[in-house]
């Protein structure tokens, strides 16, 4: 039987993909902010 300390040490195999997706989302968001600041699009009414 697995005790609590061993349960806390178990890591899922897909965790690294979620970290990569999170980092990619943050980088994409920052690039979007910089792009919007450098090339603002005007609203044509």
Protein backbone atom coordinates (compact mmCIF):
# COMPACT_ATOMS: atom_id res chain seq x y z
CA UNK A 1 0.00 0.00 0.00
CA UNK A 2 1.22 3.52 -0.81
CA UNK A 3 1.59 5.95 2.07
CA UNK A 4 0.94 9.71 1.92
CA UNK A 5 4.55 10.75 1.28
CA UNK A 6 4.79 8.41 -1.70
CA UNK A 7 1.50 9.71 -3.07
CA UNK A 8 2.80 13.28 -2.97
CA UNK A 9 5.89 12.28 -4.98
CA UNK A 10 3.90 10.80 -7.88
CA UNK A 11 3.82 13.08 -10.91
CA UNK A 12 1.64 12.55 -13.95
CA UNK A 13 3.22 12.05 -17.33
CA UNK A 14 1.20 14.84 -18.95
CA UNK A 15 2.21 17.54 -16.44
CA UNK A 16 5.11 18.70 -18.61
CA UNK A 17 2.70 19.39 -21.47
CA UNK A 18 0.50 21.56 -19.28
CA UNK A 19 3.54 23.57 -18.19
CA UNK A 20 4.51 24.05 -21.85
CA UNK A 21 0.99 25.13 -22.77
CA UNK A 22 0.93 27.61 -19.88
CA UNK A 23 4.28 29.13 -20.81
CA UNK A 24 3.21 29.32 -24.47
CA UNK A 25 -0.01 31.09 -23.51
CA UNK A 26 1.86 33.66 -21.41
CA UNK A 27 4.40 34.32 -24.17
CA UNK A 28 1.62 34.64 -26.76
CA UNK A 29 -0.26 37.09 -24.54
CA UNK A 30 2.84 39.25 -24.01
CA UNK A 31 3.63 39.24 -27.74
CA UNK A 32 0.03 40.32 -28.43
CA UNK A 33 0.32 43.22 -25.99
CA UNK A 34 3.62 44.37 -27.52
CA UNK A 35 2.21 44.04 -31.05
CA UNK A 36 -0.88 46.04 -30.10
CA UNK A 37 1.28 48.74 -28.58
CA UNK A 38 3.64 48.94 -31.57
CA UNK A 39 0.93 48.72 -34.29
CA UNK A 40 -2.36 50.03 -32.91
CA UNK A 41 -5.34 49.50 -35.21
CA UNK A 42 -7.69 52.44 -35.57
CA UNK A 43 -11.45 52.00 -35.49
CA UNK A 44 -13.09 53.11 -38.75
CA UNK A 45 -16.58 54.31 -37.87
